[in-house]
Amino acid sequence: MCPQPAPNAFATGRNPHNAAVAVTEGLLRHFPTHEIEGVIAHELAHVKHRDVLISCVAAVLAGMISYAGYMLMFFGGGSRDSRSSNPLGAIGAVAMIVLAPLAAVLIQAAISRQREFAADSYGGELCGNPERLAAALARLEAGNERIPTPTNPAFHNLYIVEPFSAGGVASLFATHPPTEKRIAALRAQAARIR
């Protein structure tokens, strides 16, 4: 258990044999048992599918793409004299410095969002009723809007809902799909089961 007042949960570990699921004090104190079961089922889905390992690999690949962009600027494109006389080469190098890390972050966020949908689906199946997880997600979203969680943004992808929600262009970088879409998918899954 994590001694945080905001309701949340996360899974960690590189494989099912070296994994742990943690829930916050806020979740345990304020949620009904059937919703806690849905949340834990979601986190167990992350463990089963090795999502923490996948997230780590995605982060390493994002770092490599960013590093390649920086390396191209310094070592690609010919001599210093040819770069200074060719404005398109300089613009291309600057574009690589900006676009490579941006593309890497967007790819990493897209992988994380896809893994959240998969964990929701399997978690809904595992707990026996996707509506339990859907109700928990709605309550988690409201709780995290009310109670801020001081955490490093690098760890947001671990939580079942992001501690801070963003809209507009910032949502492109979100590690989680919009909660409304997750709830809709779970409700559609529940309708198929009935």
N, C-alpha and C. Protein backbone atom coordinates (compact mmCIF):
# COMPACT_ATOMS: atom_id res chain seq x y z
N MET A 1 0.84 -1.18 0.00
CA MET A 1 0.00 0.00 0.00
C MET A 1 0.89 1.25 0.00
N CYS A 2 0.50 2.23 -0.80
CA CYS A 2 1.20 3.51 -0.85
C CYS A 2 0.44 4.52 0.02
N PRO A 3 1.13 5.25 0.86
CA PRO A 3 0.44 6.19 1.75
C PRO A 3 0.09 7.51 1.06
N GLN A 4 -0.63 7.44 -0.06
CA GLN A 4 -1.05 8.63 -0.79
C GLN A 4 -2.56 8.79 -0.63
N PRO A 5 -3.02 10.02 -0.41
CA PRO A 5 -4.47 10.22 -0.26
C PRO A 5 -5.24 10.12 -1.57
N ALA A 6 -4.59 10.39 -2.70
CA ALA A 6 -5.27 10.28 -3.99
C ALA A 6 -5.46 8.81 -4.34
N PRO A 7 -6.64 8.44 -4.83
CA PRO A 7 -6.85 7.05 -5.20
C PRO A 7 -6.11 6.71 -6.49
N ASN A 8 -5.33 5.65 -6.46
CA ASN A 8 -4.62 5.20 -7.65
C ASN A 8 -4.02 3.84 -7.37
N ALA A 9 -3.44 3.23 -8.40
CA ALA A 9 -2.79 1.94 -8.28
C ALA A 9 -1.79 1.81 -9.42
N PHE A 10 -0.81 0.92 -9.24
CA PHE A 10 0.14 0.65 -10.32
C PHE A 10 0.75 -0.72 -10.14
N ALA A 11 1.29 -1.23 -11.25
CA ALA A 11 2.02 -2.50 -11.24
C ALA A 11 3.46 -2.20 -11.63
N THR A 12 4.35 -3.00 -11.11
CA THR A 12 5.76 -2.85 -11.46
C THR A 12 6.40 -4.23 -11.50
N GLY A 13 7.51 -4.34 -12.17
CA GLY A 13 8.22 -5.61 -12.29
C GLY A 13 8.39 -6.00 -13.75
N ARG A 14 9.54 -6.61 -14.04
CA ARG A 14 9.85 -6.92 -15.44
C ARG A 14 9.14 -8.17 -15.96
N ASN A 15 8.67 -9.04 -15.06
CA ASN A 15 7.96 -10.24 -15.48
C ASN A 15 7.03 -10.67 -14.34
N PRO A 16 6.14 -11.63 -14.60
CA PRO A 16 5.19 -12.03 -13.57
C PRO A 16 5.82 -12.58 -12.28
N HIS A 17 7.03 -13.12 -12.38
CA HIS A 17 7.69 -13.67 -11.19
C HIS A 17 8.35 -12.59 -10.34
N ASN A 18 8.59 -11.43 -10.90
CA ASN A 18 9.24 -10.32 -10.19
C ASN A 18 8.37 -9.08 -10.24
N ALA A 19 7.10 -9.25 -9.93
CA ALA A 19 6.16 -8.13 -10.06
C ALA A 19 5.48 -7.83 -8.73
N ALA A 20 4.95 -6.64 -8.66
CA ALA A 20 4.18 -6.22 -7.49
C ALA A 20 3.08 -5.28 -7.96
N VAL A 21 1.95 -5.32 -7.28
CA VAL A 21 0.86 -4.40 -7.53
C VAL A 21 0.70 -3.57 -6.26
N ALA A 22 0.62 -2.26 -6.43
CA ALA A 22 0.46 -1.36 -5.30
C ALA A 22 -0.81 -0.54 -5.47
N VAL A 23 -1.49 -0.33 -4.37
CA VAL A 23 -2.67 0.54 -4.36
C VAL A 23 -2.45 1.61 -3.31
N THR A 24 -3.05 2.76 -3.54
CA THR A 24 -2.88 3.86 -2.59
C THR A 24 -3.88 3.73 -1.45
N GLU A 25 -3.55 4.39 -0.38
CA GLU A 25 -4.43 4.42 0.79
C GLU A 25 -5.79 5.04 0.43
N GLY A 26 -5.75 6.06 -0.42
CA GLY A 26 -6.99 6.71 -0.86
C GLY A 26 -7.92 5.76 -1.59
N LEU A 27 -7.36 4.85 -2.37
CA LEU A 27 -8.17 3.85 -3.08
C LEU A 27 -8.79 2.87 -2.08
N LEU A 28 -7.97 2.36 -1.19
CA LEU A 28 -8.47 1.36 -0.22
C LEU A 28 -9.52 1.92 0.72
N ARG A 29 -9.39 3.17 1.09
CA ARG A 29 -10.31 3.76 2.07
C ARG A 29 -11.65 4.20 1.47
N HIS A 30 -11.64 4.60 0.21
CA HIS A 30 -12.83 5.26 -0.34
C HIS A 30 -13.55 4.51 -1.46
N PHE A 31 -13.05 3.34 -1.84
CA PHE A 31 -13.67 2.62 -2.94
C PHE A 31 -14.37 1.36 -2.44
N PRO A 32 -15.50 1.00 -3.05
CA PRO A 32 -16.14 -0.26 -2.68
C PRO A 32 -15.28 -1.45 -3.15
N THR A 33 -15.44 -2.57 -2.49
CA THR A 33 -14.62 -3.75 -2.75
C THR A 33 -14.69 -4.18 -4.21
N HIS A 34 -15.88 -4.17 -4.82
CA HIS A 34 -15.98 -4.64 -6.20
C HIS A 34 -15.20 -3.75 -7.17
N GLU A 35 -15.08 -2.45 -6.89
CA GLU A 35 -14.28 -1.56 -7.75
C GLU A 35 -12.79 -1.78 -7.51
N ILE A 36 -12.40 -2.05 -6.27
CA ILE A 36 -10.99 -2.37 -5.98
C ILE A 36 -10.60 -3.64 -6.73
N GLU A 37 -11.50 -4.63 -6.78
CA GLU A 37 -11.24 -5.85 -7.55
C GLU A 37 -11.00 -5.54 -9.02
N GLY A 38 -11.79 -4.62 -9.57
CA GLY A 38 -11.61 -4.23 -10.98
C GLY A 38 -10.26 -3.58 -11.20
N VAL A 39 -9.85 -2.70 -10.28
CA VAL A 39 -8.56 -2.01 -10.40
C VAL A 39 -7.41 -3.02 -10.31
N ILE A 40 -7.50 -3.93 -9.35
CA ILE A 40 -6.43 -4.93 -9.20
C ILE A 40 -6.39 -5.85 -10.41
N ALA A 41 -7.54 -6.20 -10.96
CA ALA A 41 -7.56 -7.02 -12.18
C ALA A 41 -6.86 -6.30 -13.33
N HIS A 42 -7.08 -5.00 -13.46
CA HIS A 42 -6.40 -4.20 -14.48
C HIS A 42 -4.88 -4.26 -14.28
N GLU A 43 -4.45 -4.09 -13.04
CA GLU A 43 -3.00 -4.10 -12.76
C GLU A 43 -2.41 -5.49 -12.97
N LEU A 44 -3.15 -6.53 -12.63
CA LEU A 44 -2.68 -7.90 -12.88
C LEU A 44 -2.55 -8.17 -14.39
N ALA A 45 -3.42 -7.52 -15.18
CA ALA A 45 -3.31 -7.64 -16.63
C ALA A 45 -1.98 -7.06 -17.11
N HIS A 46 -1.58 -5.92 -16.53
CA HIS A 46 -0.27 -5.35 -16.88
C HIS A 46 0.85 -6.34 -16.53
N VAL A 47 0.74 -6.98 -15.38
CA VAL A 47 1.76 -7.95 -14.97
C VAL A 47 1.80 -9.12 -15.95
N LYS A 48 0.64 -9.70 -16.23
CA LYS A 48 0.55 -10.86 -17.13
C LYS A 48 1.15 -10.56 -18.50
N HIS A 49 0.88 -9.38 -19.02
CA HIS A 49 1.33 -9.03 -20.37
C HIS A 49 2.69 -8.33 -20.40
N ARG A 50 3.37 -8.27 -19.25
CA ARG A 50 4.72 -7.70 -19.16
C ARG A 50 4.77 -6.25 -19.66
N ASP A 51 3.75 -5.49 -19.33
CA ASP A 51 3.65 -4.12 -19.81
C ASP A 51 4.72 -3.19 -19.24
N VAL A 52 5.20 -3.47 -18.04
CA VAL A 52 6.27 -2.64 -17.48
C VAL A 52 7.53 -2.82 -18.32
N LEU A 53 7.83 -4.06 -18.69
CA LEU A 53 8.98 -4.33 -19.55
C LEU A 53 8.80 -3.65 -20.91
N ILE A 54 7.61 -3.75 -21.49
CA ILE A 54 7.33 -3.11 -22.78
C ILE A 54 7.52 -1.61 -22.68
N SER A 55 7.05 -1.01 -21.58
CA SER A 55 7.23 0.44 -21.39
C SER A 55 8.70 0.82 -21.28
N CYS A 56 9.46 -0.01 -20.61
CA CYS A 56 10.91 0.26 -20.49
C CYS A 56 11.60 0.18 -21.85
N VAL A 57 11.24 -0.83 -22.63
CA VAL A 57 11.82 -0.97 -23.97
C VAL A 57 11.43 0.24 -24.83
N ALA A 58 10.17 0.66 -24.74
CA ALA A 58 9.72 1.83 -25.51
C ALA A 58 10.48 3.08 -25.08
N ALA A 59 10.74 3.22 -23.79
CA ALA A 59 11.49 4.39 -23.30
C ALA A 59 12.93 4.35 -23.81
N VAL A 60 13.53 3.18 -23.82
CA VAL A 60 14.91 3.05 -24.33
C VAL A 60 14.94 3.37 -25.82
N LEU A 61 13.98 2.85 -26.57
CA LEU A 61 13.93 3.15 -28.00
C LEU A 61 13.71 4.64 -28.25
N ALA A 62 12.86 5.26 -27.45
CA ALA A 62 12.63 6.71 -27.57
C ALA A 62 13.93 7.46 -27.31
N GLY A 63 14.67 7.03 -26.30
CA GLY A 63 15.96 7.66 -26.01
C GLY A 63 16.96 7.48 -27.14
N MET A 64 16.95 6.30 -27.74
CA MET A 64 17.87 6.03 -28.86
C MET A 64 17.53 6.90 -30.07
N ILE A 65 16.23 7.06 -30.34
CA ILE A 65 15.81 7.92 -31.46
C ILE A 65 16.25 9.36 -31.20
N SER A 66 16.04 9.83 -29.98
CA SER A 66 16.46 11.19 -29.62
C SER A 66 17.97 11.35 -29.77
N TYR A 67 18.69 10.37 -29.26
CA TYR A 67 20.15 10.42 -29.34
C TYR A 67 20.62 10.41 -30.79
N ALA A 68 19.96 9.61 -31.64
CA ALA A 68 20.32 9.57 -33.06
C ALA A 68 20.11 10.94 -33.71
N GLY A 69 19.04 11.63 -33.31
CA GLY A 69 18.81 12.98 -33.85
C GLY A 69 19.93 13.93 -33.48
N TYR A 70 20.39 13.86 -32.23
CA TYR A 70 21.50 14.71 -31.80
C TYR A 70 22.80 14.33 -32.50
N MET A 71 23.03 13.04 -32.67
CA MET A 71 24.25 12.59 -33.33
C MET A 71 24.28 13.05 -34.79
N LEU A 72 23.14 12.99 -35.46
CA LEU A 72 23.09 13.43 -36.85
C LEU A 72 23.44 14.91 -36.98
N MET A 73 23.04 15.68 -36.00
CA MET A 73 23.35 17.09 -36.05
C MET A 73 24.86 17.33 -35.98
N PHE A 74 25.51 16.60 -35.08
CA PHE A 74 26.93 16.86 -34.86
C PHE A 74 27.85 16.12 -35.82
N PHE A 75 27.45 14.92 -36.24
CA PHE A 75 28.37 14.12 -37.05
C PHE A 75 27.88 13.87 -38.46
N GLY A 76 26.66 14.15 -38.76
CA GLY A 76 26.14 13.95 -40.12
C GLY A 76 26.18 15.26 -40.89
N GLY A 77 26.10 15.16 -42.17
CA GLY A 77 25.97 16.36 -42.98
C GLY A 77 27.26 16.99 -43.45
N GLY A 78 28.35 16.29 -43.38
CA GLY A 78 29.60 16.80 -43.96
C GLY A 78 30.38 17.70 -43.03
N SER A 79 31.28 18.45 -43.63
CA SER A 79 32.19 19.29 -42.84
C SER A 79 31.48 20.54 -42.33
N ARG A 80 32.13 21.20 -41.39
CA ARG A 80 31.58 22.41 -40.80
C ARG A 80 31.40 23.50 -41.88
N ASP A 81 32.34 23.59 -42.81
CA ASP A 81 32.25 24.60 -43.87
C ASP A 81 31.06 24.35 -44.77
N SER A 82 30.81 23.07 -45.12
CA SER A 82 29.69 22.79 -46.02
C SER A 82 28.35 23.06 -45.33
N ARG A 83 28.27 22.83 -44.01
CA ARG A 83 27.02 23.10 -43.30
C ARG A 83 26.74 24.60 -43.23
N SER A 84 27.77 25.37 -43.00
CA SER A 84 27.55 26.81 -42.90
C SER A 84 27.19 27.43 -44.24
N SER A 85 27.63 26.83 -45.34
CA SER A 85 27.30 27.38 -46.65
C SER A 85 25.99 26.80 -47.19
N ASN A 86 25.44 25.79 -46.56
CA ASN A 86 24.20 25.17 -47.01
C ASN A 86 23.11 25.38 -45.96
N PRO A 87 22.27 26.41 -46.14
CA PRO A 87 21.25 26.68 -45.13
C PRO A 87 20.23 25.55 -44.98
N LEU A 88 19.96 24.80 -46.06
CA LEU A 88 19.01 23.69 -45.95
C LEU A 88 19.56 22.59 -45.04
N GLY A 89 20.86 22.37 -45.09
CA GLY A 89 21.48 21.37 -44.21
C GLY A 89 21.34 21.77 -42.75
N ALA A 90 21.54 23.06 -42.48
CA ALA A 90 21.41 23.56 -41.11
C ALA A 90 19.97 23.45 -40.63
N ILE A 91 19.01 23.77 -41.51
CA ILE A 91 17.60 23.67 -41.15
C ILE A 91 17.23 22.20 -40.90
N GLY A 92 17.75 21.31 -41.74
CA GLY A 92 17.50 19.88 -41.56
C GLY A 92 18.05 19.37 -40.25
N ALA A 93 19.24 19.83 -39.89
CA ALA A 93 19.85 19.41 -38.62
C ALA A 93 19.02 19.89 -37.43
N VAL A 94 18.58 21.13 -37.47
CA VAL A 94 17.76 21.67 -36.39
C VAL A 94 16.42 20.93 -36.33
N ALA A 95 15.86 20.64 -37.50
CA ALA A 95 14.60 19.90 -37.54
C ALA A 95 14.76 18.52 -36.90
N MET A 96 15.89 17.85 -37.16
CA MET A 96 16.14 16.55 -36.55
C MET A 96 16.24 16.65 -35.04
N ILE A 97 16.88 17.71 -34.56
CA ILE A 97 17.03 17.89 -33.11
C ILE A 97 15.67 18.04 -32.46
N VAL A 98 14.76 18.73 -33.12
CA VAL A 98 13.45 18.98 -32.56
C VAL A 98 12.50 17.81 -32.83
N LEU A 99 12.47 17.32 -34.08
CA LEU A 99 11.47 16.33 -34.46
C LEU A 99 11.77 14.91 -33.97
N ALA A 100 13.03 14.52 -33.92
CA ALA A 100 13.35 13.15 -33.49
C ALA A 100 12.89 12.90 -32.05
N PRO A 101 13.23 13.76 -31.09
CA PRO A 101 12.73 13.51 -29.73
C PRO A 101 11.21 13.62 -29.63
N LEU A 102 10.61 14.53 -30.39
CA LEU A 102 9.16 14.68 -30.38
C LEU A 102 8.50 13.40 -30.89
N ALA A 103 9.00 12.88 -32.00
CA ALA A 103 8.46 11.63 -32.55
C ALA A 103 8.63 10.49 -31.57
N ALA A 104 9.76 10.44 -30.91
CA ALA A 104 10.03 9.38 -29.94
C ALA A 104 9.03 9.42 -28.79
N VAL A 105 8.77 10.60 -28.27
CA VAL A 105 7.82 10.75 -27.16
C VAL A 105 6.41 10.38 -27.61
N LEU A 106 6.03 10.79 -28.82
CA LEU A 106 4.69 10.46 -29.33
C LEU A 106 4.53 8.95 -29.50
N ILE A 107 5.56 8.28 -29.98
CA ILE A 107 5.51 6.82 -30.15
C ILE A 107 5.39 6.14 -28.78
N GLN A 108 6.18 6.59 -27.83
CA GLN A 108 6.15 6.02 -26.48
C GLN A 108 4.77 6.20 -25.85
N ALA A 109 4.18 7.37 -26.00
CA ALA A 109 2.84 7.63 -25.44
C ALA A 109 1.79 6.77 -26.13
N ALA A 110 1.90 6.59 -27.45
CA ALA A 110 0.94 5.76 -28.18
C ALA A 110 1.00 4.30 -27.73
N ILE A 111 2.20 3.79 -27.50
CA ILE A 111 2.34 2.42 -27.01
C ILE A 111 1.70 2.30 -25.63
N SER A 112 1.95 3.26 -24.77
CA SER A 112 1.39 3.24 -23.42
C SER A 112 -0.13 3.26 -23.46
N ARG A 113 -0.70 4.10 -24.31
CA ARG A 113 -2.17 4.19 -24.40
C ARG A 113 -2.75 2.86 -24.89
N GLN A 114 -2.09 2.23 -25.85
CA GLN A 114 -2.57 0.95 -26.38
C GLN A 114 -2.52 -0.12 -25.29
N ARG A 115 -1.49 -0.13 -24.48
CA ARG A 115 -1.35 -1.11 -23.39
C ARG A 115 -2.42 -0.88 -22.32
N GLU A 116 -2.83 0.37 -22.10
CA GLU A 116 -3.90 0.65 -21.14
C GLU A 116 -5.22 0.06 -21.61
N PHE A 117 -5.55 0.23 -22.89
CA PHE A 117 -6.78 -0.36 -23.42
C PHE A 117 -6.75 -1.88 -23.27
N ALA A 118 -5.60 -2.49 -23.56
CA ALA A 118 -5.48 -3.95 -23.46
C ALA A 118 -5.63 -4.40 -22.01
N ALA A 119 -5.04 -3.67 -21.07
CA ALA A 119 -5.17 -4.02 -19.65
C ALA A 119 -6.60 -3.83 -19.16
N ASP A 120 -7.28 -2.81 -19.67
CA ASP A 120 -8.69 -2.62 -19.32
C ASP A 120 -9.51 -3.82 -19.78
N SER A 121 -9.30 -4.24 -21.01
CA SER A 121 -10.07 -5.34 -21.58
C SER A 121 -9.84 -6.64 -20.80
N TYR A 122 -8.59 -6.98 -20.59
CA TYR A 122 -8.29 -8.21 -19.86
C TYR A 122 -8.72 -8.08 -18.39
N GLY A 123 -8.51 -6.91 -17.80
CA GLY A 123 -8.93 -6.68 -16.41
C GLY A 123 -10.43 -6.81 -16.25
N GLY A 124 -11.19 -6.29 -17.21
CA GLY A 124 -12.65 -6.42 -17.17
C GLY A 124 -13.08 -7.87 -17.23
N GLU A 125 -12.39 -8.64 -18.06
CA GLU A 125 -12.66 -10.07 -18.17
C GLU A 125 -12.27 -10.80 -16.88
N LEU A 126 -11.11 -10.47 -16.35
CA LEU A 126 -10.57 -11.13 -15.16
C LEU A 126 -11.43 -10.91 -13.92
N CYS A 127 -11.96 -9.71 -13.75
CA CYS A 127 -12.77 -9.44 -12.55
C CYS A 127 -14.20 -9.94 -12.70
N GLY A 128 -14.56 -10.43 -13.88
CA GLY A 128 -15.87 -11.02 -14.07
C GLY A 128 -16.95 -10.06 -14.54
N ASN A 129 -16.68 -8.77 -14.46
CA ASN A 129 -17.67 -7.78 -14.88
C ASN A 129 -16.94 -6.48 -15.23
N PRO A 130 -16.82 -6.16 -16.52
CA PRO A 130 -16.13 -4.94 -16.92
C PRO A 130 -16.72 -3.67 -16.32
N GLU A 131 -18.00 -3.71 -15.93
CA GLU A 131 -18.65 -2.53 -15.32
C GLU A 131 -17.97 -2.15 -14.01
N ARG A 132 -17.40 -3.12 -13.29
CA ARG A 132 -16.69 -2.82 -12.04
C ARG A 132 -15.50 -1.92 -12.31
N LEU A 133 -14.73 -2.28 -13.32
CA LEU A 133 -13.56 -1.46 -13.67
C LEU A 133 -13.99 -0.12 -14.25
N ALA A 134 -15.05 -0.11 -15.04
CA ALA A 134 -15.55 1.16 -15.61
C ALA A 134 -15.95 2.12 -14.49
N ALA A 135 -16.66 1.61 -13.49
CA ALA A 135 -17.07 2.45 -12.36
C ALA A 135 -15.86 2.95 -11.58
N ALA A 136 -14.87 2.07 -11.41
CA ALA A 136 -13.65 2.46 -10.69
C ALA A 136 -12.89 3.54 -11.45
N LEU A 137 -12.82 3.43 -12.77
CA LEU A 137 -12.12 4.44 -13.57
C LEU A 137 -12.78 5.81 -13.43
N ALA A 138 -14.11 5.84 -13.45
CA ALA A 138 -14.81 7.12 -13.28
C ALA A 138 -14.50 7.72 -11.91
N ARG A 139 -14.52 6.88 -10.88
CA ARG A 139 -14.24 7.36 -9.52
C ARG A 139 -12.76 7.78 -9.39
N LEU A 140 -11.87 7.03 -10.02
CA LEU A 140 -10.45 7.37 -9.99
C LEU A 140 -10.18 8.73 -10.65
N GLU A 141 -10.81 8.95 -11.79
CA GLU A 141 -10.65 10.22 -12.51
C GLU A 141 -11.08 11.38 -11.63
N ALA A 142 -12.26 11.25 -11.02
CA ALA A 142 -12.77 12.32 -10.15
C ALA A 142 -11.86 12.52 -8.94
N GLY A 143 -11.40 11.44 -8.35
CA GLY A 143 -10.53 11.54 -7.18
C GLY A 143 -9.20 12.21 -7.48
N ASN A 144 -8.64 11.92 -8.67
CA ASN A 144 -7.36 12.51 -9.02
C ASN A 144 -7.48 13.96 -9.46
N GLU A 145 -8.67 14.36 -9.86
CA GLU A 145 -8.89 15.79 -10.14
C GLU A 145 -9.00 16.57 -8.83
N ARG A 146 -9.56 15.93 -7.80
CA ARG A 146 -9.75 16.59 -6.50
C ARG A 146 -8.47 16.62 -5.67
N ILE A 147 -7.72 15.54 -5.69
CA ILE A 147 -6.54 15.41 -4.82
C ILE A 147 -5.29 15.31 -5.69
N PRO A 148 -4.46 16.33 -5.71
CA PRO A 148 -3.24 16.27 -6.53
C PRO A 148 -2.23 15.28 -5.94
N THR A 149 -1.50 14.63 -6.82
CA THR A 149 -0.46 13.69 -6.41
C THR A 149 0.89 14.24 -6.87
N PRO A 150 1.74 14.64 -5.94
CA PRO A 150 3.05 15.15 -6.34
C PRO A 150 3.96 14.00 -6.77
N THR A 151 4.02 13.76 -8.05
CA THR A 151 4.83 12.67 -8.58
C THR A 151 5.55 13.12 -9.84
N ASN A 152 6.65 12.50 -10.10
CA ASN A 152 7.44 12.79 -11.29
C ASN A 152 6.65 12.35 -12.53
N PRO A 153 6.50 13.20 -13.55
CA PRO A 153 5.75 12.82 -14.75
C PRO A 153 6.30 11.58 -15.45
N ALA A 154 7.55 11.25 -15.22
CA ALA A 154 8.13 10.05 -15.83
C ALA A 154 7.44 8.78 -15.33
N PHE A 155 6.76 8.86 -14.18
CA PHE A 155 6.10 7.69 -13.62
C PHE A 155 4.60 7.65 -13.88
N HIS A 156 4.06 8.64 -14.59
CA HIS A 156 2.62 8.70 -14.83
C HIS A 156 2.11 7.48 -15.57
N ASN A 157 2.92 6.92 -16.47
CA ASN A 157 2.45 5.77 -17.24
C ASN A 157 2.24 4.54 -16.36
N LEU A 158 2.80 4.51 -15.17
CA LEU A 158 2.62 3.36 -14.29
C LEU A 158 1.23 3.31 -13.66
N TYR A 159 0.65 4.46 -13.40
CA TYR A 159 -0.62 4.52 -12.69
C TYR A 159 -1.79 4.08 -13.56
N ILE A 160 -2.89 3.65 -12.91
CA ILE A 160 -4.08 3.25 -13.66
C ILE A 160 -4.75 4.46 -14.32
N VAL A 161 -4.71 5.63 -13.66
CA VAL A 161 -5.11 6.89 -14.29
C VAL A 161 -3.98 7.88 -14.04
N GLU A 162 -3.74 8.75 -15.01
CA GLU A 162 -2.68 9.73 -14.85
C GLU A 162 -3.01 10.67 -13.69
N PRO A 163 -2.03 10.94 -12.83
CA PRO A 163 -2.28 11.85 -11.72
C PRO A 163 -2.73 13.24 -12.15
N PHE A 164 -2.29 13.71 -13.29
CA PHE A 164 -2.72 15.01 -13.81
C PHE A 164 -3.29 14.77 -15.19
N SER A 165 -4.45 15.36 -15.49
CA SER A 165 -5.02 15.17 -16.82
C SER A 165 -4.80 16.42 -17.64
N ALA A 166 -4.59 16.22 -18.92
CA ALA A 166 -4.35 17.33 -19.84
C ALA A 166 -5.28 17.20 -21.03
N GLY A 167 -5.64 18.32 -21.59
CA GLY A 167 -6.49 18.30 -22.77
C GLY A 167 -5.81 18.99 -23.93
N GLY A 168 -6.49 19.03 -25.05
CA GLY A 168 -5.96 19.71 -26.23
C GLY A 168 -4.73 19.03 -26.79
N VAL A 169 -3.77 19.84 -27.24
CA VAL A 169 -2.55 19.32 -27.84
C VAL A 169 -1.74 18.52 -26.83
N ALA A 170 -1.79 18.89 -25.56
CA ALA A 170 -1.05 18.18 -24.53
C ALA A 170 -1.50 16.73 -24.42
N SER A 171 -2.74 16.42 -24.82
CA SER A 171 -3.22 15.04 -24.73
C SER A 171 -2.49 14.12 -25.69
N LEU A 172 -1.82 14.67 -26.71
CA LEU A 172 -1.00 13.85 -27.61
C LEU A 172 0.12 13.17 -26.84
N PHE A 173 0.58 13.80 -25.77
CA PHE A 173 1.68 13.28 -24.97
C PHE A 173 1.20 12.48 -23.77
N ALA A 174 -0.11 12.37 -23.60
CA ALA A 174 -0.66 11.64 -22.45
C ALA A 174 -0.30 10.17 -22.54
N THR A 175 0.00 9.58 -21.40
CA THR A 175 0.35 8.16 -21.37
C THR A 175 -0.88 7.27 -21.29
N HIS A 176 -2.05 7.86 -21.05
CA HIS A 176 -3.29 7.11 -20.95
C HIS A 176 -4.32 7.66 -21.93
N PRO A 177 -5.17 6.79 -22.46
CA PRO A 177 -6.27 7.29 -23.29
C PRO A 177 -7.25 8.07 -22.40
N PRO A 178 -8.09 8.89 -23.00
CA PRO A 178 -9.09 9.59 -22.19
C PRO A 178 -9.94 8.59 -21.42
N THR A 179 -10.20 8.89 -20.17
CA THR A 179 -10.95 7.97 -19.31
C THR A 179 -12.33 7.67 -19.89
N GLU A 180 -12.95 8.65 -20.53
CA GLU A 180 -14.28 8.43 -21.12
C GLU A 180 -14.22 7.33 -22.17
N LYS A 181 -13.16 7.30 -22.97
CA LYS A 181 -13.03 6.26 -24.01
C LYS A 181 -12.79 4.90 -23.38
N ARG A 182 -12.03 4.87 -22.31
CA ARG A 182 -11.77 3.61 -21.63
C ARG A 182 -13.07 3.05 -21.03
N ILE A 183 -13.85 3.95 -20.41
CA ILE A 183 -15.12 3.53 -19.82
C ILE A 183 -16.08 3.03 -20.90
N ALA A 184 -16.14 3.74 -22.03
CA ALA A 184 -17.02 3.33 -23.14
C ALA A 184 -16.62 1.95 -23.65
N ALA A 185 -15.32 1.69 -23.79
CA ALA A 185 -14.86 0.38 -24.26
C ALA A 185 -15.23 -0.72 -23.27
N LEU A 186 -15.10 -0.44 -21.98
CA LEU A 186 -15.46 -1.43 -20.97
C LEU A 186 -16.96 -1.69 -20.96
N ARG A 187 -17.76 -0.66 -21.14
CA ARG A 187 -19.22 -0.84 -21.17
C ARG A 187 -19.64 -1.64 -22.40
N ALA A 188 -18.96 -1.40 -23.53
CA ALA A 188 -19.24 -2.19 -24.75
C ALA A 188 -18.84 -3.65 -24.52
N GLN A 189 -17.73 -3.87 -23.83
CA GLN A 189 -17.30 -5.23 -23.51
C GLN A 189 -18.34 -5.91 -22.61
N ALA A 190 -18.86 -5.19 -21.63
CA ALA A 190 -19.87 -5.75 -20.72
C ALA A 190 -21.14 -6.10 -21.49
N ALA A 191 -21.52 -5.27 -22.45
CA ALA A 191 -22.72 -5.53 -23.25
C ALA A 191 -22.55 -6.79 -24.10
N ARG A 192 -21.35 -7.03 -24.59
CA ARG A 192 -21.09 -8.24 -25.40
C ARG A 192 -21.17 -9.50 -24.53
N ILE A 193 -20.78 -9.39 -23.27
CA ILE A 193 -20.77 -10.54 -22.37
C ILE A 193 -22.19 -10.97 -21.99
N ARG A 194 -23.06 -9.97 -21.82
CA ARG A 194 -24.44 -10.27 -21.38
C ARG A 194 -25.19 -11.12 -22.35
